[in-house]
Amino acid sequence: MIEILTSNSVGLCAIGAAVAVGICGLAAGICEGGIGKTVIDKGVMEKDFGKGLLMVTIGESVVVYGFTIAMIIVATYIVG
């Protein structure tokens, strides 16, 4: 199966897009795990919901960047 994917450019394009999204998703999960623990320990959600929501949103934006890179990889293959 790996030989089929790596033997042509479609497979390499798919692997590159998957790696971009996968690594960014893993990084965001680690980031949100730390943020969630801190938010719960400090009680930020009770006192100031906005700060906690902002911290989680910043951590989640990494996945959006990874998805954007994956779409650029796929679009580059389709167009060119």
Protein backbone atom coordinates (compact mmCIF):
# COMPACT_ATOMS: atom_id res chain seq x y z
CA MET A 1 0.00 0.00 0.00
CA ILE A 2 2.81 2.42 0.85
CA GLU A 3 4.51 1.67 -2.48
CA ILE A 4 1.36 2.72 -4.35
CA LEU A 5 1.10 5.99 -2.41
CA THR A 6 4.74 6.95 -2.81
CA SER A 7 5.07 5.87 -6.44
CA ASN A 8 3.15 8.84 -7.81
CA SER A 9 2.69 12.47 -6.97
CA VAL A 10 -0.94 12.04 -5.85
CA GLY A 11 0.17 9.82 -3.00
CA LEU A 12 2.94 12.16 -1.93
CA CYS A 13 0.51 15.07 -2.03
CA ALA A 14 -1.92 13.16 0.19
CA ILE A 15 0.82 12.18 2.62
CA GLY A 16 2.06 15.78 2.84
CA ALA A 17 -1.41 17.13 3.53
CA ALA A 18 -2.06 14.44 6.15
CA VAL A 19 1.22 15.17 7.91
CA ALA A 20 0.47 18.91 7.96
CA VAL A 21 -2.95 18.44 9.55
CA GLY A 22 -1.86 15.60 11.83
CA ILE A 23 1.12 17.35 13.40
CA CYS A 24 -0.82 20.59 13.85
CA GLY A 25 -3.70 18.68 15.43
CA LEU A 26 -1.36 16.93 17.83
CA ALA A 27 0.29 20.23 18.78
CA ALA A 28 -3.08 21.88 19.36
CA GLY A 29 -4.20 18.97 21.54
CA ILE A 30 -1.11 19.26 23.71
CA CYS A 31 -1.57 23.03 23.91
CA GLU A 32 -5.22 22.80 24.87
CA GLY A 33 -4.47 20.14 27.45
CA GLY A 34 -2.11 22.49 29.25
CA ILE A 35 -4.44 25.45 28.88
CA GLY A 36 -7.44 23.48 30.12
CA LYS A 37 -5.58 22.32 33.21
CA THR A 38 -4.41 25.85 33.96
CA VAL A 39 -7.87 27.32 33.44
CA ILE A 40 -9.46 24.77 35.76
CA ASP A 41 -6.73 25.07 38.41
CA LYS A 42 -6.80 28.86 38.49
CA GLY A 43 -10.58 29.10 38.31
CA VAL A 44 -10.47 31.47 35.36
CA MET A 45 -13.75 30.13 33.97
CA GLU A 46 -15.65 31.32 37.03
CA LYS A 47 -14.04 34.74 37.27
CA ASP A 48 -13.33 35.77 33.70
CA PHE A 49 -14.76 33.55 30.96
CA GLY A 50 -13.35 35.75 28.19
CA LYS A 51 -9.71 35.19 29.10
CA GLY A 52 -10.16 31.42 29.22
CA LEU A 53 -11.98 31.40 25.90
CA LEU A 54 -9.28 33.54 24.29
CA MET A 55 -6.52 31.21 25.48
CA VAL A 56 -8.32 28.16 24.08
CA THR A 57 -8.98 29.95 20.78
CA ILE A 58 -5.31 30.86 20.34
CA GLY A 59 -4.35 27.23 20.93
CA GLU A 60 -6.94 25.99 18.45
CA SER A 61 -5.80 28.36 15.69
CA VAL A 62 -2.79 26.09 15.07
CA VAL A 63 -5.12 23.50 13.52
CA VAL A 64 -6.60 26.11 11.20
CA TYR A 65 -3.09 26.97 9.98
CA GLY A 66 -2.32 23.29 9.38
CA PHE A 67 -5.56 22.81 7.48
CA THR A 68 -4.78 25.88 5.37
CA ILE A 69 -1.35 24.48 4.48
CA ALA A 70 -2.94 21.14 3.56
CA MET A 71 -5.42 22.87 1.27
CA ILE A 72 -2.56 24.80 -0.37
CA ILE A 73 -0.71 21.51 -0.96
CA VAL A 74 -3.76 19.86 -2.52
CA ALA A 75 -4.69 22.92 -4.60
CA THR A 76 -1.14 23.20 -5.91
CA TYR A 77 -1.28 19.61 -7.10
CA ILE A 78 -4.71 20.05 -8.75
CA VAL A 79 -3.83 23.31 -10.53
CA GLY A 80 -0.26 22.57 -11.47
